[in-house]
Amino acid sequence: MLKLRVITALCLVPLVLAALFLLPYPYFIAFVGGIFLIAAREWSNFIDPDKALVLTIGLVLMMYGITAFVPFDNLWVSPASVATLAVGLHEAAAWLLVATGVWWLIALIMVFTYPSSAKTWREKHNIKTVFAMFTLLPFMVAVLALRSFAYQDNPQAGAWLLLFVMGLVWAADTGAYFVGKAIGKRKLCPNVSPGKTLEGMIGGVVAAAILALVVVLNLELAAAQTQVILIASIAAAFASVLGDLTESMFKREAGLKDSGNILPGHGGIMDRIDGLTAALPVFVLVVWLLS
């Protein structure tokens, strides 16, 4: 199993890097749309496996419907520059990210009161569909917002920014794993994910914060910008843990070990992006609010 995971990872990393740095932005939108399609299909199994196809189509239609309000090709209302973070998001995109911030606060309560919280939504497919919408749509908007940042000024700037936030999540995951293995004792949320510990979460956030600090110290940023990046990075690291726990909660309710089997040794797409679905929107939201 470990060998299969390593082989899959070695195939995925070049693919992700190529998509980030080689695809022109319009093609990158299509690439992210493909990820959304697969993730929507997996999320549909969390809602009702017997109606997965219908639910998937519904989620995809929602994605296309939102383009009438959130233009993916023009997410920044003013030209963003690599020299400043003081940028304006498109109004509809900003409101969507604010809404997803509220959703993740609700998810936090749901996770830490599980399984009693599931009584309010366990059999309500429409509510779980709303959960899916506020998990996947803002994630897609955040990915494209980060990738398109300062695109006219420097087409690669957004790719590096997106890779940085993804790196924060990977650092948080890695730090949590090793610290949790070494000194983890207090269970973080045993009813949802018995293996996660409070010490591991703190270790992961510290690892992400160190990565963010190393990066910002090597950039020529003003003190205020450095503070914004560090605050957003720490918020994203905490959010990534919540994203992971939230997906685990829905998988547990659906009786699933993995969200899918498209990635040999890793499970499904949602198993790989669960932390990112929360971390990316939270990062963009915090930067936008503090800039």
C-alpha atoms as a PDB file:
ATOM      1  CA  MET A   1       0.000   0.000   0.000  1.00  0.00           C
ATOM      2  CA  LEU A   2       2.814   2.425   0.890  1.00  0.00           C
ATOM      3  CA  LYS A   3       4.550   1.718  -2.420  1.00  0.00           C
ATOM      4  CA  LEU A   4       1.310   2.407  -4.301  1.00  0.00           C
ATOM      5  CA  ARG A   5       0.799   5.674  -2.405  1.00  0.00           C
ATOM      6  CA  VAL A   6       4.322   6.806  -3.249  1.00  0.00           C
ATOM      7  CA  ILE A   7       3.928   5.956  -6.940  1.00  0.00           C
ATOM      8  CA  THR A   8       0.609   7.846  -7.107  1.00  0.00           C
ATOM      9  CA  ALA A   9       2.123  10.837  -5.323  1.00  0.00           C
ATOM     10  CA  LEU A  10       5.086  10.894  -7.704  1.00  0.00           C
ATOM     11  CA  CYS A  11       2.628  11.044 -10.602  1.00  0.00           C
ATOM     12  CA  LEU A  12       0.404  13.677  -9.001  1.00  0.00           C
ATOM     13  CA  VAL A  13       3.084  16.192  -8.037  1.00  0.00           C
ATOM     14  CA  PRO A  14       4.344  16.834 -11.614  1.00  0.00           C
ATOM     15  CA  LEU A  15       0.744  16.994 -12.843  1.00  0.00           C
ATOM     16  CA  VAL A  16      -0.210  19.622 -10.261  1.00  0.00           C
ATOM     17  CA  LEU A  17       2.946  21.666 -10.873  1.00  0.00           C
ATOM     18  CA  ALA A  18       2.434  21.531 -14.626  1.00  0.00           C
ATOM     19  CA  ALA A  19      -1.158  22.700 -14.258  1.00  0.00           C
ATOM     20  CA  LEU A  20      -0.083  25.521 -11.948  1.00  0.00           C
ATOM     21  CA  PHE A  21       2.812  26.888 -13.961  1.00  0.00           C
ATOM     22  CA  LEU A  22       2.275  25.784 -17.557  1.00  0.00           C
ATOM     23  CA  LEU A  23      -1.450  26.091 -18.188  1.00  0.00           C
ATOM     24  CA  PRO A  24      -2.665  29.521 -19.326  1.00  0.00           C
ATOM     25  CA  TYR A  25      -5.347  30.795 -16.976  1.00  0.00           C
ATOM     26  CA  PRO A  26      -8.351  29.911 -19.234  1.00  0.00           C
ATOM     27  CA  TYR A  27      -7.136  26.307 -19.442  1.00  0.00           C
ATOM     28  CA  PHE A  28      -6.441  26.286 -15.715  1.00  0.00           C
ATOM     29  CA  ILE A  29     -10.108  27.163 -15.162  1.00  0.00           C
ATOM     30  CA  ALA A  30     -11.042  24.037 -17.139  1.00  0.00           C
ATOM     31  CA  PHE A  31      -8.561  21.960 -15.107  1.00  0.00           C
ATOM     32  CA  VAL A  32     -10.087  23.146 -11.817  1.00  0.00           C
ATOM     33  CA  GLY A  33     -13.541  22.515 -13.268  1.00  0.00           C
ATOM     34  CA  GLY A  34     -12.541  18.889 -13.817  1.00  0.00           C
ATOM     35  CA  ILE A  35     -11.450  18.588 -10.195  1.00  0.00           C
ATOM     36  CA  PHE A  36     -14.768  20.111  -9.134  1.00  0.00           C
ATOM     37  CA  LEU A  37     -16.654  17.560 -11.238  1.00  0.00           C
ATOM     38  CA  ILE A  38     -14.879  14.612  -9.601  1.00  0.00           C
ATOM     39  CA  ALA A  39     -15.224  16.112  -6.121  1.00  0.00           C
ATOM     40  CA  ALA A  40     -18.939  16.735  -6.712  1.00  0.00           C
ATOM     41  CA  ARG A  41     -19.380  13.099  -7.730  1.00  0.00           C
ATOM     42  CA  GLU A  42     -17.685  11.944  -4.528  1.00  0.00           C
ATOM     43  CA  TRP A  43     -19.642  14.394  -2.372  1.00  0.00           C
ATOM     44  CA  SER A  44     -22.845  12.998  -3.856  1.00  0.00           C
ATOM     45  CA  ASN A  45     -22.016   9.665  -2.224  1.00  0.00           C
ATOM     46  CA  PHE A  46     -21.949  11.445   1.143  1.00  0.00           C
ATOM     47  CA  ILE A  47     -25.483  12.672   0.486  1.00  0.00           C
ATOM     48  CA  ASP A  48     -27.165   9.636  -1.071  1.00  0.00           C
ATOM     49  CA  PRO A  49     -25.267   6.948  -3.052  1.00  0.00           C
ATOM     50  CA  ASP A  50     -28.497   5.868  -4.745  1.00  0.00           C
ATOM     51  CA  LYS A  51     -28.976   9.341  -6.251  1.00  0.00           C
ATOM     52  CA  ALA A  52     -25.319  10.160  -6.805  1.00  0.00           C
ATOM     53  CA  LEU A  53     -25.622  10.871 -10.534  1.00  0.00           C
ATOM     54  CA  VAL A  54     -28.585  13.239 -10.139  1.00  0.00           C
ATOM     55  CA  LEU A  55     -26.906  15.037  -7.238  1.00  0.00           C
ATOM     56  CA  THR A  56     -23.666  15.357  -9.197  1.00  0.00           C
ATOM     57  CA  ILE A  57     -25.492  16.945 -12.113  1.00  0.00           C
ATOM     58  CA  GLY A  58     -27.208  19.308  -9.691  1.00  0.00           C
ATOM     59  CA  LEU A  59     -23.920  20.408  -8.133  1.00  0.00           C
ATOM     60  CA  VAL A  60     -22.334  20.938 -11.549  1.00  0.00           C
ATOM     61  CA  LEU A  61     -25.320  23.029 -12.657  1.00  0.00           C
ATOM     62  CA  MET A  62     -24.878  25.122  -9.518  1.00  0.00           C
ATOM     63  CA  MET A  63     -21.249  25.647 -10.468  1.00  0.00           C
ATOM     64  CA  TYR A  64     -22.180  26.853 -13.936  1.00  0.00           C
ATOM     65  CA  GLY A  65     -25.023  28.923 -12.529  1.00  0.00           C
ATOM     66  CA  ILE A  66     -22.731  30.805 -10.197  1.00  0.00           C
ATOM     67  CA  THR A  67     -20.641  31.983 -13.153  1.00  0.00           C
ATOM     68  CA  ALA A  68     -23.500  34.374 -13.921  1.00  0.00           C
ATOM     69  CA  PHE A  69     -22.665  36.155 -10.675  1.00  0.00           C
ATOM     70  CA  VAL A  70     -18.994  35.325 -10.087  1.00  0.00           C
ATOM     71  CA  PRO A  71     -16.911  35.792 -13.267  1.00  0.00           C
ATOM     72  CA  PHE A  72     -14.011  33.369 -12.997  1.00  0.00           C
ATOM     73  CA  ASP A  73     -12.070  35.340 -15.586  1.00  0.00           C
ATOM     74  CA  ASN A  74     -12.366  38.604 -13.646  1.00  0.00           C
ATOM     75  CA  LEU A  75     -12.292  37.852  -9.926  1.00  0.00           C
ATOM     76  CA  TRP A  76     -10.335  41.001  -9.076  1.00  0.00           C
ATOM     77  CA  VAL A  77     -12.248  44.248  -9.599  1.00  0.00           C
ATOM     78  CA  SER A  78      -9.008  46.227  -9.786  1.00  0.00           C
ATOM     79  CA  PRO A  79      -5.704  45.072 -11.273  1.00  0.00           C
ATOM     80  CA  ALA A  80      -3.844  43.265  -8.528  1.00  0.00           C
ATOM     81  CA  SER A  81      -0.140  43.890  -8.261  1.00  0.00           C
ATOM     82  CA  VAL A  82       2.565  41.686  -6.819  1.00  0.00           C
ATOM     83  CA  ALA A  83       3.756  44.782  -4.953  1.00  0.00           C
ATOM     84  CA  THR A  84       0.638  45.064  -2.787  1.00  0.00           C
ATOM     85  CA  LEU A  85      -2.078  42.987  -1.188  1.00  0.00           C
ATOM     86  CA  ALA A  86      -4.542  45.888  -1.165  1.00  0.00           C
ATOM     87  CA  VAL A  87      -6.808  44.460  -3.840  1.00  0.00           C
ATOM     88  CA  GLY A  88     -10.544  44.233  -4.323  1.00  0.00           C
ATOM     89  CA  LEU A  89     -12.395  41.006  -4.934  1.00  0.00           C
ATOM     90  CA  HIS A  90     -15.399  40.960  -7.203  1.00  0.00           C
ATOM     91  CA  GLU A  91     -18.385  41.710  -4.956  1.00  0.00           C
ATOM     92  CA  ALA A  92     -20.155  38.395  -5.589  1.00  0.00           C
ATOM     93  CA  ALA A  93     -16.936  36.439  -4.959  1.00  0.00           C
ATOM     94  CA  ALA A  94     -16.361  38.359  -1.735  1.00  0.00           C
ATOM     95  CA  TRP A  95     -19.874  37.623  -0.478  1.00  0.00           C
ATOM     96  CA  LEU A  96     -19.481  33.950  -1.383  1.00  0.00           C
ATOM     97  CA  LEU A  97     -16.284  33.770   0.651  1.00  0.00           C
ATOM     98  CA  VAL A  98     -17.950  35.520   3.581  1.00  0.00           C
ATOM     99  CA  ALA A  99     -20.753  32.952   3.359  1.00  0.00           C
ATOM    100  CA  THR A 100     -18.265  30.097   3.359  1.00  0.00           C
ATOM    101  CA  GLY A 101     -16.586  31.631   6.414  1.00  0.00           C
ATOM    102  CA  VAL A 102     -19.941  31.341   8.172  1.00  0.00           C
ATOM    103  CA  TRP A 103     -20.308  27.776   6.862  1.00  0.00           C
ATOM    104  CA  TRP A 104     -16.977  26.699   8.327  1.00  0.00           C
ATOM    105  CA  LEU A 105     -17.951  28.168  11.705  1.00  0.00           C
ATOM    106  CA  ILE A 106     -21.124  26.085  11.523  1.00  0.00           C
ATOM    107  CA  ALA A 107     -19.070  23.055  10.488  1.00  0.00           C
ATOM    108  CA  LEU A 108     -16.821  23.613  13.511  1.00  0.00           C
ATOM    109  CA  ILE A 109     -19.833  23.331  15.807  1.00  0.00           C
ATOM    110  CA  MET A 110     -21.140  20.309  13.907  1.00  0.00           C
ATOM    111  CA  VAL A 111     -17.829  18.481  14.160  1.00  0.00           C
ATOM    112  CA  PHE A 112     -17.273  19.028  17.868  1.00  0.00           C
ATOM    113  CA  THR A 113     -20.874  18.148  18.779  1.00  0.00           C
ATOM    114  CA  TYR A 114     -20.978  15.057  16.546  1.00  0.00           C
ATOM    115  CA  PRO A 115     -22.775  12.627  16.598  1.00  0.00           C
ATOM    116  CA  SER A 116     -25.627  14.563  18.233  1.00  0.00           C
ATOM    117  CA  SER A 117     -25.354  17.316  15.590  1.00  0.00           C
ATOM    118  CA  ALA A 118     -26.048  14.775  12.833  1.00  0.00           C
ATOM    119  CA  LYS A 119     -29.631  14.392  14.037  1.00  0.00           C
ATOM    120  CA  THR A 120     -30.484  17.717  12.398  1.00  0.00           C
ATOM    121  CA  TRP A 121     -29.150  16.832   8.924  1.00  0.00           C
ATOM    122  CA  ARG A 122     -28.593  13.067   8.691  1.00  0.00           C
ATOM    123  CA  GLU A 123     -31.741  12.344   6.636  1.00  0.00           C
ATOM    124  CA  LYS A 124     -32.069  15.755   4.974  1.00  0.00           C
ATOM    125  CA  HIS A 125     -30.516  15.504   1.519  1.00  0.00           C
ATOM    126  CA  ASN A 126     -31.289  19.114   0.667  1.00  0.00           C
ATOM    127  CA  ILE A 127     -29.343  20.371   3.676  1.00  0.00           C
ATOM    128  CA  LYS A 128     -26.369  18.139   2.854  1.00  0.00           C
ATOM    129  CA  THR A 129     -26.478  19.443  -0.711  1.00  0.00           C
ATOM    130  CA  VAL A 130     -26.178  22.979   0.661  1.00  0.00           C
ATOM    131  CA  PHE A 131     -23.201  21.791   2.717  1.00  0.00           C
ATOM    132  CA  ALA A 132     -21.628  20.465  -0.485  1.00  0.00           C
ATOM    133  CA  MET A 133     -22.262  23.725  -2.299  1.00  0.00           C
ATOM    134  CA  PHE A 134     -20.629  25.830   0.419  1.00  0.00           C
ATOM    135  CA  THR A 135     -17.672  23.436   0.539  1.00  0.00           C
ATOM    136  CA  LEU A 136     -16.923  23.078  -3.165  1.00  0.00           C
ATOM    137  CA  LEU A 137     -17.978  26.331  -4.844  1.00  0.00           C
ATOM    138  CA  PRO A 138     -15.973  28.694  -2.584  1.00  0.00           C
ATOM    139  CA  PHE A 139     -13.030  26.297  -2.865  1.00  0.00           C
ATOM    140  CA  MET A 140     -13.108  26.647  -6.642  1.00  0.00           C
ATOM    141  CA  VAL A 141     -13.450  30.434  -6.427  1.00  0.00           C
ATOM    142  CA  ALA A 142     -10.531  30.630  -3.985  1.00  0.00           C
ATOM    143  CA  VAL A 143      -8.301  28.471  -6.201  1.00  0.00           C
ATOM    144  CA  LEU A 144      -9.002  30.666  -9.205  1.00  0.00           C
ATOM    145  CA  ALA A 145      -8.689  33.887  -7.213  1.00  0.00           C
ATOM    146  CA  LEU A 146      -5.232  32.879  -5.988  1.00  0.00           C
ATOM    147  CA  ARG A 147      -4.114  31.644  -9.413  1.00  0.00           C
ATOM    148  CA  SER A 148      -5.310  34.810 -11.157  1.00  0.00           C
ATOM    149  CA  PHE A 149      -3.714  37.153  -8.622  1.00  0.00           C
ATOM    150  CA  ALA A 150      -1.655  39.813 -10.452  1.00  0.00           C
ATOM    151  CA  TYR A 151      -1.967  37.716 -13.626  1.00  0.00           C
ATOM    152  CA  GLN A 152      -1.578  40.697 -15.960  1.00  0.00           C
ATOM    153  CA  ASP A 153       1.435  41.951 -14.017  1.00  0.00           C
ATOM    154  CA  ASN A 154       3.121  38.562 -13.706  1.00  0.00           C
ATOM    155  CA  PRO A 155       1.379  35.368 -14.995  1.00  0.00           C
ATOM    156  CA  GLN A 156       3.402  33.216 -12.567  1.00  0.00           C
ATOM    157  CA  ALA A 157       2.737  35.262  -9.410  1.00  0.00           C
ATOM    158  CA  GLY A 158      -0.601  33.620  -8.709  1.00  0.00           C
ATOM    159  CA  ALA A 159       0.826  30.157  -9.317  1.00  0.00           C
ATOM    160  CA  TRP A 160       3.449  30.739  -6.636  1.00  0.00           C
ATOM    161  CA  LEU A 161       0.841  32.171  -4.266  1.00  0.00           C
ATOM    162  CA  LEU A 162      -1.458  29.182  -4.748  1.00  0.00           C
ATOM    163  CA  LEU A 163       1.457  26.780  -4.299  1.00  0.00           C
ATOM    164  CA  PHE A 164       2.392  28.628  -1.099  1.00  0.00           C
ATOM    165  CA  VAL A 165      -1.075  28.145   0.431  1.00  0.00           C
ATOM    166  CA  MET A 166      -1.132  24.514  -0.658  1.00  0.00           C
ATOM    167  CA  GLY A 167       2.287  24.161   0.968  1.00  0.00           C
ATOM    168  CA  LEU A 168       0.853  25.503   4.210  1.00  0.00           C
ATOM    169  CA  VAL A 169      -1.702  22.688   4.236  1.00  0.00           C
ATOM    170  CA  TRP A 170       0.918  20.068   3.433  1.00  0.00           C
ATOM    171  CA  ALA A 171       3.182  21.443   6.175  1.00  0.00           C
ATOM    172  CA  ALA A 172       0.279  21.375   8.627  1.00  0.00           C
ATOM    173  CA  ASP A 173      -0.542  17.772   7.700  1.00  0.00           C
ATOM    174  CA  THR A 174       3.084  16.667   7.994  1.00  0.00           C
ATOM    175  CA  GLY A 175       3.697  18.516  11.251  1.00  0.00           C
ATOM    176  CA  ALA A 176       0.493  17.141  12.758  1.00  0.00           C
ATOM    177  CA  TYR A 177       1.434  13.588  11.778  1.00  0.00           C
ATOM    178  CA  PHE A 178       4.924  13.599  13.277  1.00  0.00           C
ATOM    179  CA  VAL A 179       4.098  15.603  16.399  1.00  0.00           C
ATOM    180  CA  GLY A 180       0.987  13.522  16.976  1.00  0.00           C
ATOM    181  CA  LYS A 181       2.985  10.312  16.645  1.00  0.00           C
ATOM    182  CA  ALA A 182       5.684  11.585  18.987  1.00  0.00           C
ATOM    183  CA  ILE A 183       3.774  13.244  21.813  1.00  0.00           C
ATOM    184  CA  GLY A 184       0.081  13.146  20.935  1.00  0.00           C
ATOM    185  CA  LYS A 185      -2.080  12.206  23.933  1.00  0.00           C
ATOM    186  CA  ARG A 186      -5.203  14.381  24.035  1.00  0.00           C
ATOM    187  CA  LYS A 187      -7.788  13.358  21.432  1.00  0.00           C
ATOM    188  CA  LEU A 188      -8.882  16.311  19.333  1.00  0.00           C
ATOM    189  CA  CYS A 189     -12.247  15.000  18.140  1.00  0.00           C
ATOM    190  CA  PRO A 190     -12.505  11.286  18.959  1.00  0.00           C
ATOM    191  CA  ASN A 191     -16.060  10.833  17.672  1.00  0.00           C
ATOM    192  CA  VAL A 192     -15.028  11.993  14.205  1.00  0.00           C
ATOM    193  CA  SER A 193     -11.345  11.103  13.834  1.00  0.00           C
ATOM    194  CA  PRO A 194      -9.903   9.107  16.766  1.00  0.00           C
ATOM    195  CA  GLY A 195      -6.346   9.369  15.452  1.00  0.00           C
ATOM    196  CA  LYS A 196      -6.072  13.156  15.623  1.00  0.00           C
ATOM    197  CA  THR A 197      -4.680  14.773  18.747  1.00  0.00           C
ATOM    198  CA  LEU A 198      -4.573  18.291  20.112  1.00  0.00           C
ATOM    199  CA  GLU A 199      -0.781  18.139  20.231  1.00  0.00           C
ATOM    200  CA  GLY A 200      -0.683  17.058  16.602  1.00  0.00           C
ATOM    201  CA  MET A 201      -2.906  19.948  15.536  1.00  0.00           C
ATOM    202  CA  ILE A 202      -0.722  22.451  17.377  1.00  0.00           C
ATOM    203  CA  GLY A 203       2.386  20.894  15.829  1.00  0.00           C
ATOM    204  CA  GLY A 204       0.855  21.196  12.379  1.00  0.00           C
ATOM    205  CA  VAL A 205      -0.091  24.844  12.846  1.00  0.00           C
ATOM    206  CA  VAL A 206       3.407  25.629  14.122  1.00  0.00           C
ATOM    207  CA  ALA A 207       4.925  23.892  11.081  1.00  0.00           C
ATOM    208  CA  ALA A 208       2.724  25.949   8.755  1.00  0.00           C
ATOM    209  CA  ALA A 209       3.579  29.148  10.629  1.00  0.00           C
ATOM    210  CA  ILE A 210       7.311  28.422  10.308  1.00  0.00           C
ATOM    211  CA  LEU A 211       6.916  27.874   6.564  1.00  0.00           C
ATOM    212  CA  ALA A 212       4.979  31.138   6.231  1.00  0.00           C
ATOM    213  CA  LEU A 213       7.593  33.015   8.265  1.00  0.00           C
ATOM    214  CA  VAL A 214      10.472  31.673   6.172  1.00  0.00           C
ATOM    215  CA  VAL A 215       8.684  32.671   2.964  1.00  0.00           C
ATOM    216  CA  VAL A 216       7.685  36.199   4.007  1.00  0.00           C
ATOM    217  CA  LEU A 217      11.131  36.933   5.410  1.00  0.00           C
ATOM    218  CA  ASN A 218      12.569  36.210   1.980  1.00  0.00           C
ATOM    219  CA  LEU A 219      10.146  38.572   0.262  1.00  0.00           C
ATOM    220  CA  GLU A 220      10.341  42.344   0.172  1.00  0.00           C
ATOM    221  CA  LEU A 221       7.060  43.026   1.937  1.00  0.00           C
ATOM    222  CA  ALA A 222       6.039  45.867   4.203  1.00  0.00           C
ATOM    223  CA  ALA A 223       5.489  45.045   7.872  1.00  0.00           C
ATOM    224  CA  ALA A 224       1.714  45.316   7.493  1.00  0.00           C
ATOM    225  CA  GLN A 225       1.712  42.925   4.536  1.00  0.00           C
ATOM    226  CA  THR A 226       3.881  40.463   6.440  1.00  0.00           C
ATOM    227  CA  GLN A 227       1.407  40.501   9.313  1.00  0.00           C
ATOM    228  CA  VAL A 228      -1.524  39.888   6.953  1.00  0.00           C
ATOM    229  CA  ILE A 229       0.209  36.900   5.341  1.00  0.00           C
ATOM    230  CA  LEU A 230       1.152  35.375   8.704  1.00  0.00           C
ATOM    231  CA  ILE A 231      -2.336  35.806  10.144  1.00  0.00           C
ATOM    232  CA  ALA A 232      -3.943  34.385   7.005  1.00  0.00           C
ATOM    233  CA  SER A 233      -1.468  31.473   7.008  1.00  0.00           C
ATOM    234  CA  ILE A 234      -2.218  30.507  10.605  1.00  0.00           C
ATOM    235  CA  ALA A 235      -5.957  30.818   9.970  1.00  0.00           C
ATOM    236  CA  ALA A 236      -5.589  28.606   6.884  1.00  0.00           C
ATOM    237  CA  ALA A 237      -3.651  25.996   8.870  1.00  0.00           C
ATOM    238  CA  PHE A 238      -6.400  25.776  11.495  1.00  0.00           C
ATOM    239  CA  ALA A 239      -9.028  25.709   8.730  1.00  0.00           C
ATOM    240  CA  SER A 240      -7.271  22.804   7.009  1.00  0.00           C
ATOM    241  CA  VAL A 241      -7.734  20.696  10.158  1.00  0.00           C
ATOM    242  CA  LEU A 242     -11.418  21.599  10.197  1.00  0.00           C
ATOM    243  CA  GLY A 243     -11.784  20.701   6.524  1.00  0.00           C
ATOM    244  CA  ASP A 244     -10.224  17.305   7.188  1.00  0.00           C
ATOM    245  CA  LEU A 245     -12.468  16.661  10.206  1.00  0.00           C
ATOM    246  CA  THR A 246     -15.590  17.779   8.368  1.00  0.00           C
ATOM    247  CA  GLU A 247     -15.004  15.379   5.490  1.00  0.00           C
ATOM    248  CA  SER A 248     -14.279  12.602   7.988  1.00  0.00           C
ATOM    249  CA  MET A 249     -17.606  13.333   9.677  1.00  0.00           C
ATOM    250  CA  PHE A 250     -19.549  13.069   6.420  1.00  0.00           C
ATOM    251  CA  LYS A 251     -17.687   9.904   5.419  1.00  0.00           C
ATOM    252  CA  ARG A 252     -18.449   8.374   8.807  1.00  0.00           C
ATOM    253  CA  GLU A 253     -22.145   9.172   8.398  1.00  0.00           C
ATOM    254  CA  ALA A 254     -22.125   7.647   4.907  1.00  0.00           C
ATOM    255  CA  GLY A 255     -20.255   4.552   6.102  1.00  0.00           C
ATOM    256  CA  LEU A 256     -17.325   5.238   3.770  1.00  0.00           C
ATOM    257  CA  LYS A 257     -13.636   4.731   4.450  1.00  0.00           C
ATOM    258  CA  ASP A 258     -12.544   6.806   1.440  1.00  0.00           C
ATOM    259  CA  SER A 259     -14.405   9.340  -0.664  1.00  0.00           C
ATOM    260  CA  GLY A 260     -13.542   7.382  -3.825  1.00  0.00           C
ATOM    261  CA  ASN A 261     -10.915   5.204  -5.490  1.00  0.00           C
ATOM    262  CA  ILE A 262      -9.686   7.383  -8.336  1.00  0.00           C
ATOM    263  CA  LEU A 263      -6.237   7.772  -6.725  1.00  0.00           C
ATOM    264  CA  PRO A 264      -4.651   4.360  -6.056  1.00  0.00           C
ATOM    265  CA  GLY A 265      -3.467   4.103  -2.463  1.00  0.00           C
ATOM    266  CA  HIS A 266      -4.910   7.513  -1.578  1.00  0.00           C
ATOM    267  CA  GLY A 267      -8.653   7.135  -2.079  1.00  0.00           C
ATOM    268  CA  GLY A 268     -10.621   9.882  -3.786  1.00  0.00           C
ATOM    269  CA  ILE A 269     -10.080  13.489  -4.760  1.00  0.00           C
ATOM    270  CA  MET A 270     -11.893  14.696  -1.635  1.00  0.00           C
ATOM    271  CA  ASP A 271      -9.479  12.693   0.500  1.00  0.00           C
ATOM    272  CA  ARG A 272      -6.639  14.772  -0.988  1.00  0.00           C
ATOM    273  CA  ILE A 273      -8.292  18.200  -1.004  1.00  0.00           C
ATOM    274  CA  ASP A 274     -10.389  18.058   2.178  1.00  0.00           C
ATOM    275  CA  GLY A 275      -8.046  20.404   4.048  1.00  0.00           C
ATOM    276  CA  LEU A 276      -7.708  22.672   1.016  1.00  0.00           C
ATOM    277  CA  THR A 277     -11.473  23.118   0.688  1.00  0.00           C
ATOM    278  CA  ALA A 278     -11.415  25.084   3.952  1.00  0.00           C
ATOM    279  CA  ALA A 279      -7.868  26.480   3.954  1.00  0.00           C
ATOM    280  CA  LEU A 280      -7.929  28.191   0.548  1.00  0.00           C
ATOM    281  CA  PRO A 281     -11.194  30.154   0.995  1.00  0.00           C
ATOM    282  CA  VAL A 282     -10.220  31.120   4.547  1.00  0.00           C
ATOM    283  CA  PHE A 283      -6.807  32.355   3.399  1.00  0.00           C
ATOM    284  CA  VAL A 284      -8.312  34.506   0.630  1.00  0.00           C
ATOM    285  CA  LEU A 285     -11.051  35.781   2.941  1.00  0.00           C
ATOM    286  CA  VAL A 286      -8.619  36.806   5.684  1.00  0.00           C
ATOM    287  CA  VAL A 287      -6.274  38.523   3.235  1.00  0.00           C
ATOM    288  CA  TRP A 288      -9.201  40.385   1.667  1.00  0.00           C
ATOM    289  CA  LEU A 289     -10.611  41.457   5.048  1.00  0.00           C
ATOM    290  CA  LEU A 290      -7.264  42.640   6.421  1.00  0.00           C
ATOM    291  CA  SER A 291      -5.918  44.283   3.258  1.00  0.00           C
END
